[in-house]
Full PDB file with SEQRES, HELIX, SHEET, SSBOND, CRYST1, ORIGX, SCALE, CONECT and MASTER records, all heavy atoms in Angstrom:
SEQRES   1 A   38  SER GLY ASP VAL ASP LEU ALA ALA GLU ALA ILE ARG LEU          
SEQRES   2 A   38  THR ARG GLN LEU ALA ALA ARG THR LYS HIS GLU GLU VAL          
SEQRES   3 A   38  ALA GLY LEU LEU ALA LEU MET LEU LEU HIS HIS ALA              
HELIX    1 AA1 ALA A    7  ARG A   20  1                                  14    
HELIX    2 AA2 GLU A   24  HIS A   37  1                                  14    
CRYST1    1.000    1.000    1.000  90.00  90.00  90.00 P 1           1          
ORIGX1      1.000000  0.000000  0.000000        0.00000                         
ORIGX2      0.000000  1.000000  0.000000        0.00000                         
ORIGX3      0.000000  0.000000  1.000000        0.00000                         
SCALE1      1.000000  0.000000  0.000000        0.00000                         
SCALE2      0.000000  1.000000  0.000000        0.00000                         
SCALE3      0.000000  0.000000  1.000000        0.00000                         
ATOM      1  N   SER A   1     144.541  83.565  57.481  1.00  0.00           N  
ATOM      2  CA  SER A   1     144.056  83.753  56.146  1.00  0.00           C  
ATOM      3  C   SER A   1     143.740  85.271  55.767  1.00  0.00           C  
ATOM      4  O   SER A   1     143.344  85.476  54.622  1.00  0.00           O  
ATOM      5  CB  SER A   1     142.873  82.919  55.958  1.00  0.00           C  
ATOM      6  OG  SER A   1     141.759  83.300  56.812  1.00  0.00           O  
ATOM      7  N   GLY A   2     143.840  86.108  56.690  1.00  0.00           N  
ATOM      8  CA  GLY A   2     143.369  87.464  56.507  1.00  0.00           C  
ATOM      9  C   GLY A   2     144.531  88.397  56.208  1.00  0.00           C  
ATOM     10  O   GLY A   2     145.631  88.026  55.786  1.00  0.00           O  
ATOM     11  N   ASP A   3     144.251  89.720  56.470  1.00  0.00           N  
ATOM     12  CA  ASP A   3     145.213  90.750  56.212  1.00  0.00           C  
ATOM     13  C   ASP A   3     146.149  91.046  57.302  1.00  0.00           C  
ATOM     14  O   ASP A   3     147.103  91.838  57.152  1.00  0.00           O  
ATOM     15  CB  ASP A   3     144.483  92.018  55.805  1.00  0.00           C  
ATOM     16  CG  ASP A   3     143.539  91.807  54.607  1.00  0.00           C  
ATOM     17  OD1 ASP A   3     143.890  91.123  53.688  1.00  0.00           O  
ATOM     18  OD2 ASP A   3     142.401  92.367  54.603  1.00  0.00           O  
ATOM     19  N   VAL A   4     145.831  90.536  58.502  1.00  0.00           N  
ATOM     20  CA  VAL A   4     146.614  90.930  59.760  1.00  0.00           C  
ATOM     21  C   VAL A   4     147.254  89.681  60.284  1.00  0.00           C  
ATOM     22  O   VAL A   4     146.592  88.561  60.409  1.00  0.00           O  
ATOM     23  CB  VAL A   4     145.689  91.468  60.850  1.00  0.00           C  
ATOM     24  CG1 VAL A   4     146.596  91.960  61.988  1.00  0.00           C  
ATOM     25  CG2 VAL A   4     144.970  92.712  60.251  1.00  0.00           C  
ATOM     26  N   ASP A   5     148.551  89.646  60.548  1.00  0.00           N  
ATOM     27  CA  ASP A   5     149.282  88.423  61.027  1.00  0.00           C  
ATOM     28  C   ASP A   5     149.102  88.308  62.532  1.00  0.00           C  
ATOM     29  O   ASP A   5     149.822  88.940  63.316  1.00  0.00           O  
ATOM     30  CB  ASP A   5     150.690  88.506  60.673  1.00  0.00           C  
ATOM     31  CG  ASP A   5     151.454  87.197  60.891  1.00  0.00           C  
ATOM     32  OD1 ASP A   5     150.794  86.216  61.508  1.00  0.00           O  
ATOM     33  OD2 ASP A   5     152.590  87.045  60.518  1.00  0.00           O  
ATOM     34  N   LEU A   6     148.127  87.508  62.974  1.00  0.00           N  
ATOM     35  CA  LEU A   6     147.900  87.272  64.296  1.00  0.00           C  
ATOM     36  C   LEU A   6     148.060  85.832  64.678  1.00  0.00           C  
ATOM     37  O   LEU A   6     147.796  85.421  65.905  1.00  0.00           O  
ATOM     38  CB  LEU A   6     146.494  87.745  64.686  1.00  0.00           C  
ATOM     39  CG  LEU A   6     146.194  89.256  64.567  1.00  0.00           C  
ATOM     40  CD1 LEU A   6     144.720  89.486  64.650  1.00  0.00           C  
ATOM     41  CD2 LEU A   6     146.933  90.031  65.582  1.00  0.00           C  
ATOM     42  N   ALA A   7     148.398  85.026  63.809  1.00  0.00           N  
ATOM     43  CA  ALA A   7     148.375  83.563  64.036  1.00  0.00           C  
ATOM     44  C   ALA A   7     149.342  83.127  65.162  1.00  0.00           C  
ATOM     45  O   ALA A   7     148.995  82.402  66.071  1.00  0.00           O  
ATOM     46  CB  ALA A   7     148.730  82.767  62.735  1.00  0.00           C  
ATOM     47  N   ALA A   8     150.582  83.669  65.111  1.00  0.00           N  
ATOM     48  CA  ALA A   8     151.530  83.285  66.115  1.00  0.00           C  
ATOM     49  C   ALA A   8     151.137  83.739  67.493  1.00  0.00           C  
ATOM     50  O   ALA A   8     151.268  83.116  68.563  1.00  0.00           O  
ATOM     51  CB  ALA A   8     152.923  83.878  65.760  1.00  0.00           C  
ATOM     52  N   GLU A   9     150.482  84.917  67.676  1.00  0.00           N  
ATOM     53  CA  GLU A   9     150.024  85.424  68.893  1.00  0.00           C  
ATOM     54  C   GLU A   9     148.926  84.589  69.432  1.00  0.00           C  
ATOM     55  O   GLU A   9     148.869  84.332  70.645  1.00  0.00           O  
ATOM     56  CB  GLU A   9     149.552  86.871  68.725  1.00  0.00           C  
ATOM     57  CG  GLU A   9     148.797  87.500  69.855  1.00  0.00           C  
ATOM     58  CD  GLU A   9     149.714  87.848  71.087  1.00  0.00           C  
ATOM     59  OE1 GLU A   9     150.904  87.447  71.069  1.00  0.00           O  
ATOM     60  OE2 GLU A   9     149.198  88.480  72.008  1.00  0.00           O  
ATOM     61  N   ALA A  10     147.949  84.059  68.531  1.00  0.00           N  
ATOM     62  CA  ALA A  10     146.921  83.234  69.019  1.00  0.00           C  
ATOM     63  C   ALA A  10     147.478  81.893  69.540  1.00  0.00           C  
ATOM     64  O   ALA A  10     147.014  81.381  70.513  1.00  0.00           O  
ATOM     65  CB  ALA A  10     145.964  82.992  67.796  1.00  0.00           C  
ATOM     66  N   ILE A  11     148.468  81.345  68.850  1.00  0.00           N  
ATOM     67  CA  ILE A  11     149.126  80.080  69.276  1.00  0.00           C  
ATOM     68  C   ILE A  11     149.778  80.239  70.607  1.00  0.00           C  
ATOM     69  O   ILE A  11     149.672  79.479  71.530  1.00  0.00           O  
ATOM     70  CB  ILE A  11     150.124  79.628  68.250  1.00  0.00           C  
ATOM     71  CG1 ILE A  11     149.421  79.109  67.014  1.00  0.00           C  
ATOM     72  CG2 ILE A  11     150.881  78.394  68.825  1.00  0.00           C  
ATOM     73  CD1 ILE A  11     150.236  78.752  65.824  1.00  0.00           C  
ATOM     74  N   ARG A  12     150.453  81.434  70.811  1.00  0.00           N  
ATOM     75  CA  ARG A  12     151.071  81.681  72.102  1.00  0.00           C  
ATOM     76  C   ARG A  12     150.136  81.720  73.153  1.00  0.00           C  
ATOM     77  O   ARG A  12     150.354  81.098  74.283  1.00  0.00           O  
ATOM     78  CB  ARG A  12     151.821  82.994  72.012  1.00  0.00           C  
ATOM     79  CG  ARG A  12     152.668  83.399  73.283  1.00  0.00           C  
ATOM     80  CD  ARG A  12     153.313  84.765  73.025  1.00  0.00           C  
ATOM     81  NE  ARG A  12     152.374  85.885  73.142  1.00  0.00           N  
ATOM     82  CZ  ARG A  12     152.005  86.474  74.259  1.00  0.00           C  
ATOM     83  NH1 ARG A  12     152.552  86.078  75.366  1.00  0.00           N  
ATOM     84  NH2 ARG A  12     151.168  87.449  74.232  1.00  0.00           N  
ATOM     85  N   LEU A  13     149.015  82.392  73.089  1.00  0.00           N  
ATOM     86  CA  LEU A  13     147.994  82.523  74.100  1.00  0.00           C  
ATOM     87  C   LEU A  13     147.316  81.174  74.365  1.00  0.00           C  
ATOM     88  O   LEU A  13     146.972  80.831  75.504  1.00  0.00           O  
ATOM     89  CB  LEU A  13     147.019  83.570  73.699  1.00  0.00           C  
ATOM     90  CG  LEU A  13     147.509  85.050  73.652  1.00  0.00           C  
ATOM     91  CD1 LEU A  13     146.516  86.034  73.140  1.00  0.00           C  
ATOM     92  CD2 LEU A  13     148.035  85.486  75.032  1.00  0.00           C  
ATOM     93  N   THR A  14     147.099  80.391  73.310  1.00  0.00           N  
ATOM     94  CA  THR A  14     146.487  79.099  73.448  1.00  0.00           C  
ATOM     95  C   THR A  14     147.352  78.113  74.214  1.00  0.00           C  
ATOM     96  O   THR A  14     146.900  77.318  74.998  1.00  0.00           O  
ATOM     97  CB  THR A  14     145.983  78.494  72.145  1.00  0.00           C  
ATOM     98  OG1 THR A  14     145.229  79.484  71.360  1.00  0.00           O  
ATOM     99  CG2 THR A  14     145.215  77.196  72.315  1.00  0.00           C  
ATOM    100  N   ARG A  15     148.648  78.247  73.979  1.00  0.00           N  
ATOM    101  CA  ARG A  15     149.643  77.509  74.671  1.00  0.00           C  
ATOM    102  C   ARG A  15     149.521  77.823  76.193  1.00  0.00           C  
ATOM    103  O   ARG A  15     149.561  76.888  77.034  1.00  0.00           O  
ATOM    104  CB  ARG A  15     151.064  77.698  74.243  1.00  0.00           C  
ATOM    105  CG  ARG A  15     151.457  77.077  72.980  1.00  0.00           C  
ATOM    106  CD  ARG A  15     153.015  77.241  72.831  1.00  0.00           C  
ATOM    107  NE  ARG A  15     153.465  76.868  71.463  1.00  0.00           N  
ATOM    108  CZ  ARG A  15     153.664  75.561  71.008  1.00  0.00           C  
ATOM    109  NH1 ARG A  15     153.315  74.598  71.863  1.00  0.00           N  
ATOM    110  NH2 ARG A  15     154.126  75.356  69.831  1.00  0.00           N  
ATOM    111  N   GLN A  16     149.472  79.077  76.562  1.00  0.00           N  
ATOM    112  CA  GLN A  16     149.383  79.478  77.891  1.00  0.00           C  
ATOM    113  C   GLN A  16     148.156  78.863  78.563  1.00  0.00           C  
ATOM    114  O   GLN A  16     148.186  78.402  79.709  1.00  0.00           O  
ATOM    115  CB  GLN A  16     149.267  81.039  78.007  1.00  0.00           C  
ATOM    116  CG  GLN A  16     150.725  81.660  77.655  1.00  0.00           C  
ATOM    117  CD  GLN A  16     150.606  83.151  77.893  1.00  0.00           C  
ATOM    118  OE1 GLN A  16     149.592  83.712  78.458  1.00  0.00           O  
ATOM    119  NE2 GLN A  16     151.591  83.895  77.547  1.00  0.00           N  
ATOM    120  N   LEU A  17     146.966  78.966  77.787  1.00  0.00           N  
ATOM    121  CA  LEU A  17     145.768  78.496  78.311  1.00  0.00           C  
ATOM    122  C   LEU A  17     145.809  76.926  78.544  1.00  0.00           C  
ATOM    123  O   LEU A  17     145.314  76.447  79.526  1.00  0.00           O  
ATOM    124  CB  LEU A  17     144.595  78.802  77.327  1.00  0.00           C  
ATOM    125  CG  LEU A  17     143.166  78.519  77.881  1.00  0.00           C  
ATOM    126  CD1 LEU A  17     142.900  79.176  79.177  1.00  0.00           C  
ATOM    127  CD2 LEU A  17     142.127  79.006  76.777  1.00  0.00           C  
ATOM    128  N   ALA A  18     146.461  76.182  77.582  1.00  0.00           N  
ATOM    129  CA  ALA A  18     146.608  74.828  77.703  1.00  0.00           C  
ATOM    130  C   ALA A  18     147.459  74.425  78.861  1.00  0.00           C  
ATOM    131  O   ALA A  18     147.248  73.314  79.590  1.00  0.00           O  
ATOM    132  CB  ALA A  18     147.207  74.242  76.431  1.00  0.00           C  
ATOM    133  N   ALA A  19     148.433  75.243  79.227  1.00  0.00           N  
ATOM    134  CA  ALA A  19     149.294  75.010  80.396  1.00  0.00           C  
ATOM    135  C   ALA A  19     148.492  75.189  81.714  1.00  0.00           C  
ATOM    136  O   ALA A  19     148.897  74.630  82.735  1.00  0.00           O  
ATOM    137  CB  ALA A  19     150.498  75.944  80.354  1.00  0.00           C  
ATOM    138  N   ARG A  20     147.452  75.967  81.666  1.00  0.00           N  
ATOM    139  CA  ARG A  20     146.723  76.270  82.859  1.00  0.00           C  
ATOM    140  C   ARG A  20     145.566  75.237  83.138  1.00  0.00           C  
ATOM    141  O   ARG A  20     145.076  75.129  84.297  1.00  0.00           O  
ATOM    142  CB  ARG A  20     145.974  77.610  82.848  1.00  0.00           C  
ATOM    143  CG  ARG A  20     146.945  78.838  82.762  1.00  0.00           C  
ATOM    144  CD  ARG A  20     146.150  80.037  82.776  1.00  0.00           C  
ATOM    145  NE  ARG A  20     147.054  81.304  82.619  1.00  0.00           N  
ATOM    146  CZ  ARG A  20     146.554  82.535  82.654  1.00  0.00           C  
ATOM    147  NH1 ARG A  20     145.280  82.676  82.852  1.00  0.00           N  
ATOM    148  NH2 ARG A  20     147.336  83.500  82.557  1.00  0.00           N  
ATOM    149  N   THR A  21     145.126  74.582  82.066  1.00  0.00           N  
ATOM    150  CA  THR A  21     143.894  73.714  82.246  1.00  0.00           C  
ATOM    151  C   THR A  21     144.075  72.441  81.408  1.00  0.00           C  
ATOM    152  O   THR A  21     144.746  72.402  80.370  1.00  0.00           O  
ATOM    153  CB  THR A  21     142.669  74.438  81.740  1.00  0.00           C  
ATOM    154  OG1 THR A  21     141.566  73.621  81.882  1.00  0.00           O  
ATOM    155  CG2 THR A  21     142.763  74.991  80.422  1.00  0.00           C  
ATOM    156  N   LYS A  22     143.387  71.463  81.850  1.00  0.00           N  
ATOM    157  CA  LYS A  22     143.398  70.187  81.082  1.00  0.00           C  
ATOM    158  C   LYS A  22     142.108  70.067  80.193  1.00  0.00           C  
ATOM    159  O   LYS A  22     141.824  68.875  79.746  1.00  0.00           O  
ATOM    160  CB  LYS A  22     143.482  68.986  82.105  1.00  0.00           C  
ATOM    161  CG  LYS A  22     144.742  68.972  82.907  1.00  0.00           C  
ATOM    162  CD  LYS A  22     145.935  68.778  81.973  1.00  0.00           C  
ATOM    163  CE  LYS A  22     147.250  68.695  82.756  1.00  0.00           C  
ATOM    164  NZ  LYS A  22     148.457  68.658  81.968  1.00  0.00           N  
ATOM    165  N   HIS A  23     141.484  71.152  79.888  1.00  0.00           N  
ATOM    166  CA  HIS A  23     140.229  71.096  79.145  1.00  0.00           C  
ATOM    167  C   HIS A  23     140.557  70.579  77.799  1.00  0.00           C  
ATOM    168  O   HIS A  23     141.448  71.103  77.108  1.00  0.00           O  
ATOM    169  CB  HIS A  23     139.759  72.588  79.067  1.00  0.00           C  
ATOM    170  CG  HIS A  23     138.294  72.689  78.548  1.00  0.00           C  
ATOM    171  ND1 HIS A  23     137.932  72.330  77.315  1.00  0.00           N  
ATOM    172  CD2 HIS A  23     137.172  73.181  79.141  1.00  0.00           C  
ATOM    173  CE1 HIS A  23     136.629  72.467  77.116  1.00  0.00           C  
ATOM    174  NE2 HIS A  23     136.204  73.112  78.245  1.00  0.00           N  
ATOM    175  N   GLU A  24     139.812  69.532  77.368  1.00  0.00           N  
ATOM    176  CA  GLU A  24     140.103  68.858  76.139  1.00  0.00           C  
ATOM    177  C   GLU A  24     139.974  69.732  74.889  1.00  0.00           C  
ATOM    178  O   GLU A  24     140.710  69.536  73.892  1.00  0.00           O  
ATOM    179  CB  GLU A  24     139.289  67.546  75.973  1.00  0.00           C  
ATOM    180  CG  GLU A  24     137.816  67.700  76.096  1.00  0.00           C  
ATOM    181  CD  GLU A  24     137.257  67.827  77.472  1.00  0.00           C  
ATOM    182  OE1 GLU A  24     138.101  67.541  78.453  1.00  0.00           O  
ATOM    183  OE2 GLU A  24     136.202  68.295  77.689  1.00  0.00           O  
ATOM    184  N   GLU A  25     139.011  70.656  74.957  1.00  0.00           N  
ATOM    185  CA  GLU A  25     138.822  71.583  73.813  1.00  0.00           C  
ATOM    186  C   GLU A  25     139.970  72.584  73.661  1.00  0.00           C  
ATOM    187  O   GLU A  25     140.189  73.028  72.582  1.00  0.00           O  
ATOM    188  CB  GLU A  25     137.456  72.236  73.811  1.00  0.00           C  
ATOM    189  CG  GLU A  25     136.261  71.402  73.287  1.00  0.00           C  
ATOM    190  CD  GLU A  25     136.465  71.202  71.737  1.00  0.00           C  
ATOM    191  OE1 GLU A  25     137.242  70.263  71.386  1.00  0.00           O  
ATOM    192  OE2 GLU A  25     135.874  71.951  71.028  1.00  0.00           O  
ATOM    193  N   VAL A  26     140.569  72.979  74.764  1.00  0.00           N  
ATOM    194  CA  VAL A  26     141.781  73.843  74.745  1.00  0.00           C  
ATOM    195  C   VAL A  26     142.840  73.051  73.991  1.00  0.00           C  
ATOM    196  O   VAL A  26     143.485  73.641  73.068  1.00  0.00           O  
ATOM    197  CB  VAL A  26     142.258  74.264  76.141  1.00  0.00           C  
ATOM    198  CG1 VAL A  26     143.453  75.064  76.064  1.00  0.00           C  
ATOM    199  CG2 VAL A  26     141.208  75.063  76.894  1.00  0.00           C  
ATOM    200  N   ALA A  27     143.081  71.791  74.335  1.00  0.00           N  
ATOM    201  CA  ALA A  27     144.039  70.931  73.571  1.00  0.00           C  
ATOM    202  C   ALA A  27     143.576  70.797  72.157  1.00  0.00           C  
ATOM    203  O   ALA A  27     144.488  70.833  71.280  1.00  0.00           O  
ATOM    204  CB  ALA A  27     144.160  69.659  74.291  1.00  0.00           C  
ATOM    205  N   GLY A  28     142.290  70.641  71.917  1.00  0.00           N  
ATOM    206  CA  GLY A  28     141.870  70.494  70.502  1.00  0.00           C  
ATOM    207  C   GLY A  28     142.230  71.666  69.706  1.00  0.00           C  
ATOM    208  O   GLY A  28     142.586  71.631  68.565  1.00  0.00           O  
ATOM    209  N   LEU A  29     141.959  72.844  70.209  1.00  0.00           N  
ATOM    210  CA  LEU A  29     142.182  74.077  69.491  1.00  0.00           C  
ATOM    211  C   LEU A  29     143.680  74.325  69.277  1.00  0.00           C  
ATOM    212  O   LEU A  29     144.127  74.636  68.264  1.00  0.00           O  
ATOM    213  CB  LEU A  29     141.626  75.293  70.346  1.00  0.00           C  
ATOM    214  CG  LEU A  29     141.874  76.696  69.649  1.00  0.00           C  
ATOM    215  CD1 LEU A  29     141.272  76.740  68.243  1.00  0.00           C  
ATOM    216  CD2 LEU A  29     141.254  77.788  70.524  1.00  0.00           C  
ATOM    217  N   LEU A  30     144.517  74.001  70.360  1.00  0.00           N  
ATOM    218  CA  LEU A  30     145.921  74.124  70.162  1.00  0.00           C  
ATOM    219  C   LEU A  30     146.435  73.196  69.027  1.00  0.00           C  
ATOM    220  O   LEU A  30     147.239  73.587  68.085  1.00  0.00           O  
ATOM    221  CB  LEU A  30     146.685  73.799  71.390  1.00  0.00           C  
ATOM    222  CG  LEU A  30     148.244  73.842  71.400  1.00  0.00           C  
ATOM    223  CD1 LEU A  30     148.644  75.181  70.896  1.00  0.00           C  
ATOM    224  CD2 LEU A  30     148.804  73.502  72.690  1.00  0.00           C  
ATOM    225  N   ALA A  31     145.974  71.942  68.943  1.00  0.00           N  
ATOM    226  CA  ALA A  31     146.285  70.972  68.005  1.00  0.00           C  
ATOM    227  C   ALA A  31     145.933  71.521  66.581  1.00  0.00           C  
ATOM    228  O   ALA A  31     146.655  71.457  65.669  1.00  0.00           O  
ATOM    229  CB  ALA A  31     145.704  69.601  68.218  1.00  0.00           C  
ATOM    230  N   LEU A  32     144.692  72.056  66.493  1.00  0.00           N  
ATOM    231  CA  LEU A  32     144.161  72.560  65.223  1.00  0.00           C  
ATOM    232  C   LEU A  32     145.121  73.752  64.737  1.00  0.00           C  
ATOM    233  O   LEU A  32     145.451  73.779  63.549  1.00  0.00           O  
ATOM    234  CB  LEU A  32     142.734  73.085  65.394  1.00  0.00           C  
ATOM    235  CG  LEU A  32     142.086  73.735  64.208  1.00  0.00           C  
ATOM    236  CD1 LEU A  32     141.958  72.762  63.006  1.00  0.00           C  
ATOM    237  CD2 LEU A  32     140.709  74.272  64.591  1.00  0.00           C  
ATOM    238  N   MET A  33     145.444  74.665  65.617  1.00  0.00           N  
ATOM    239  CA  MET A  33     146.308  75.700  65.216  1.00  0.00           C  
ATOM    240  C   MET A  33     147.692  75.239  64.738  1.00  0.00           C  
ATOM    241  O   MET A  33     148.134  75.711  63.654  1.00  0.00           O  
ATOM    242  CB  MET A  33     146.491  76.693  66.409  1.00  0.00           C  
ATOM    243  CG  MET A  33     145.254  77.498  66.789  1.00  0.00           C  
ATOM    244  SD  MET A  33     145.630  78.542  68.226  1.00  0.00           S  
ATOM    245  CE  MET A  33     144.056  79.523  68.358  1.00  0.00           C  
ATOM    246  N   LEU A  34     148.255  74.313  65.475  1.00  0.00           N  
ATOM    247  CA  LEU A  34     149.631  73.818  65.081  1.00  0.00           C  
ATOM    248  C   LEU A  34     149.519  73.165  63.734  1.00  0.00           C  
ATOM    249  O   LEU A  34     150.483  73.353  62.919  1.00  0.00           O  
ATOM    250  CB  LEU A  34     150.118  72.911  66.171  1.00  0.00           C  
ATOM    251  CG  LEU A  34     150.407  73.516  67.567  1.00  0.00           C  
ATOM    252  CD1 LEU A  34     150.685  72.419  68.564  1.00  0.00           C  
ATOM    253  CD2 LEU A  34     151.541  74.559  67.473  1.00  0.00           C  
ATOM    254  N   LEU A  35     148.550  72.304  63.456  1.00  0.00           N  
ATOM    255  CA  LEU A  35     148.490  71.590  62.260  1.00  0.00           C  
ATOM    256  C   LEU A  35     148.244  72.547  61.065  1.00  0.00           C  
ATOM    257  O   LEU A  35     148.874  72.305  60.025  1.00  0.00           O  
ATOM    258  CB  LEU A  35     147.352  70.610  62.363  1.00  0.00           C  
ATOM    259  CG  LEU A  35     147.676  69.378  63.344  1.00  0.00           C  
ATOM    260  CD1 LEU A  35     146.435  68.591  63.655  1.00  0.00           C  
ATOM    261  CD2 LEU A  35     148.715  68.452  62.657  1.00  0.00           C  
ATOM    262  N   HIS A  36     147.433  73.537  61.266  1.00  0.00           N  
ATOM    263  CA  HIS A  36     147.194  74.518  60.152  1.00  0.00           C  
ATOM    264  C   HIS A  36     148.430  75.380  59.944  1.00  0.00           C  
ATOM    265  O   HIS A  36     148.842  75.637  58.847  1.00  0.00           O  
ATOM    266  CB  HIS A  36     146.024  75.474  60.474  1.00  0.00           C  
ATOM    267  CG  HIS A  36     144.723  74.815  60.088  1.00  0.00           C  
ATOM    268  ND1 HIS A  36     144.465  74.329  58.883  1.00  0.00           N  
ATOM    269  CD2 HIS A  36     143.545  74.598  60.769  1.00  0.00           C  
ATOM    270  CE1 HIS A  36     143.207  73.867  58.727  1.00  0.00           C  
ATOM    271  NE2 HIS A  36     142.625  74.125  59.953  1.00  0.00           N  
ATOM    272  N   HIS A  37     149.100  75.816  61.059  1.00  0.00           N  
ATOM    273  CA  HIS A  37     150.247  76.690  60.969  1.00  0.00           C  
ATOM    274  C   HIS A  37     151.423  75.961  60.327  1.00  0.00           C  
ATOM    275  O   HIS A  37     152.279  76.560  59.608  1.00  0.00           O  
ATOM    276  CB  HIS A  37     150.675  77.197  62.325  1.00  0.00           C  
ATOM    277  CG  HIS A  37     151.408  78.493  62.376  1.00  0.00           C  
ATOM    278  ND1 HIS A  37     150.866  79.623  61.921  1.00  0.00           N  
ATOM    279  CD2 HIS A  37     152.650  78.865  62.652  1.00  0.00           C  
ATOM    280  CE1 HIS A  37     151.695  80.659  61.982  1.00  0.00           C  
ATOM    281  NE2 HIS A  37     152.786  80.140  62.492  1.00  0.00           N  
ATOM    282  N   ALA A  38     151.493  74.658  60.472  1.00  0.00           N  
ATOM    283  CA  ALA A  38     152.592  73.845  59.925  1.00  0.00           C  
ATOM    284  C   ALA A  38     152.589  73.875  58.371  1.00  0.00           C  
ATOM    285  O   ALA A  38     153.657  73.696  57.754  1.00  0.00           O  
ATOM    286  CB  ALA A  38     152.472  72.348  60.374  1.00  0.00           C  
TER     287      ALA A  38                                                      
MASTER        0    0    0    2    0    0    0    6  286    1    0    3          
END                                                                             
């Protein structure tokens, strides 16, 4: 929503974090990003 396009980079890093851990809030954040980005 701001002036700098960082959304795709944030999704990329969250995907990496989700691949490393089964932490449910990591998955929750990834889902939130994907649904908003859609």
